[in-house]
C-alpha atoms as a PDB file:
ATOM      1  CA  MET A   1     166.475   3.415 -63.550  1.00  0.00           C
ATOM      2  CA  GLU A   2     163.578   3.290 -66.001  1.00  0.00           C
ATOM      3  CA  ASP A   3     163.124  -0.450 -65.498  1.00  0.00           C
ATOM      4  CA  MET A   4     162.573   0.189 -61.762  1.00  0.00           C
ATOM      5  CA  LEU A   5     159.664   2.587 -62.349  1.00  0.00           C
ATOM      6  CA  GLU A   6     156.060   1.450 -62.660  1.00  0.00           C
ATOM      7  CA  ASP A   7     153.468   2.810 -65.042  1.00  0.00           C
ATOM      8  CA  LYS A   8     151.140   3.725 -62.185  1.00  0.00           C
ATOM      9  CA  CYS A   9     150.713   6.569 -59.749  1.00  0.00           C
ATOM     10  CA  GLY A  10     153.744   7.053 -57.546  1.00  0.00           C
ATOM     11  CA  TYR A  11     151.494   7.808 -54.611  1.00  0.00           C
ATOM     12  CA  TYR A  12     150.012   4.299 -54.755  1.00  0.00           C
ATOM     13  CA  ASN A  13     153.092   2.495 -53.433  1.00  0.00           C
ATOM     14  CA  GLU A  14     154.348   5.431 -51.391  1.00  0.00           C
ATOM     15  CA  SER A  15     151.088   5.717 -49.452  1.00  0.00           C
ATOM     16  CA  ARG A  16     151.070   2.033 -48.601  1.00  0.00           C
ATOM     17  CA  ASN A  17     154.754   1.895 -47.705  1.00  0.00           C
ATOM     18  CA  GLN A  18     154.460   4.893 -45.386  1.00  0.00           C
ATOM     19  CA  ARG A  19     151.304   3.561 -43.739  1.00  0.00           C
ATOM     20  CA  ASN A  20     152.876   0.134 -43.114  1.00  0.00           C
ATOM     21  CA  THR A  21     156.061   1.682 -41.715  1.00  0.00           C
ATOM     22  CA  GLU A  22     154.199   4.028 -39.387  1.00  0.00           C
ATOM     23  CA  ARG A  23     151.849   1.297 -38.169  1.00  0.00           C
ATOM     24  CA  GLU A  24     154.825  -0.970 -37.434  1.00  0.00           C
ATOM     25  CA  ARG A  25     156.275   1.841 -35.313  1.00  0.00           C
ATOM     26  CA  GLY A  26     152.991   2.211 -33.452  1.00  0.00           C
ATOM     27  CA  LEU A  27     152.250   5.628 -34.929  1.00  0.00           C
ATOM     28  CA  GLY A  28     148.828   4.795 -36.356  1.00  0.00           C
ATOM     29  CA  ASN A  29     147.410   6.476 -39.442  1.00  0.00           C
ATOM     30  CA  ALA A  30     147.821  10.166 -38.597  1.00  0.00           C
ATOM     31  CA  GLY A  31     150.929  10.569 -40.761  1.00  0.00           C
ATOM     32  CA  THR A  32     149.148   9.232 -43.829  1.00  0.00           C
ATOM     33  CA  ALA A  33     145.996  11.319 -43.479  1.00  0.00           C
ATOM     34  CA  GLY A  34     146.958  13.331 -46.562  1.00  0.00           C
ATOM     35  CA  PHE A  35     147.067  10.192 -48.678  1.00  0.00           C
ATOM     36  CA  GLU A  36     143.710   9.223 -47.174  1.00  0.00           C
ATOM     37  CA  ARG A  37     142.185  12.584 -48.183  1.00  0.00           C
ATOM     38  CA  MET A  38     143.600  12.196 -51.705  1.00  0.00           C
ATOM     39  CA  GLY A  39     141.849   8.809 -51.980  1.00  0.00           C
ATOM     40  CA  CYS A  40     145.020   6.758 -52.370  1.00  0.00           C
ATOM     41  CA  TYR A  41     143.741   3.810 -50.342  1.00  0.00           C
ATOM     42  CA  ASP A  42     140.639   3.454 -52.508  1.00  0.00           C
ATOM     43  CA  CYS A  43     142.684   3.531 -55.713  1.00  0.00           C
ATOM     44  CA  ASP A  44     144.460   0.885 -57.766  1.00  0.00           C
ATOM     45  CA  GLY A  45     147.142   3.370 -58.866  1.00  0.00           C
ATOM     46  CA  ASN A  46     145.805   3.708 -62.404  1.00  0.00           C
ATOM     47  CA  ASN A  47     143.232   6.505 -62.086  1.00  0.00           C
ATOM     48  CA  ARG A  48     144.758   8.994 -64.503  1.00  0.00           C
ATOM     49  CA  LYS A  49     141.779  11.328 -63.996  1.00  0.00           C
ATOM     50  CA  CYS A  50     142.703  11.873 -60.332  1.00  0.00           C
ATOM     51  CA  LYS A  51     143.902  15.411 -59.623  1.00  0.00           C
ATOM     52  CA  ALA A  52     146.813  14.020 -57.596  1.00  0.00           C
ATOM     53  CA  TYR A  53     147.885  11.388 -60.147  1.00  0.00           C
ATOM     54  CA  PHE A  54     151.659  11.326 -60.571  1.00  0.00           C
ATOM     55  CA  ASN A  55     153.355   8.840 -62.876  1.00  0.00           C
ATOM     56  CA  PRO A  56     157.098   8.573 -62.165  1.00  0.00           C
ATOM     57  CA  LEU A  57     157.727   6.608 -65.369  1.00  0.00           C
ATOM     58  CA  GLY A  58     156.022   9.290 -67.434  1.00  0.00           C
ATOM     59  CA  GLU A  59     158.044  12.027 -65.744  1.00  0.00           C
ATOM     60  CA  TYR A  60     161.266  10.083 -66.281  1.00  0.00           C
ATOM     61  CA  ASN A  61     160.460   9.688 -69.967  1.00  0.00           C
ATOM     62  CA  LYS A  62     159.863  13.449 -70.256  1.00  0.00           C
ATOM     63  CA  GLY A  63     163.385  14.062 -68.975  1.00  0.00           C
ATOM     64  CA  PHE A  64     162.703  14.517 -65.256  1.00  0.00           C
ATOM     65  CA  GLY A  65     165.589  12.940 -63.329  1.00  0.00           C
ATOM     66  CA  LYS A  66     167.840  12.319 -66.324  1.00  0.00           C
END
């Protein structure tokens, strides 16, 4: 499991995956407005000072999900 996790914000990939999926379904960007407000689309996934930053690898290493 650990080797599947990236050392970057979990919202980085999730925001992009959700946006792509919803656009492919013709739903536009309304469903990803929360990610937009959080600044996820202007981020490279490594802004550890962001209030919404969430690192799945870090949480896994702390015992979350084990």
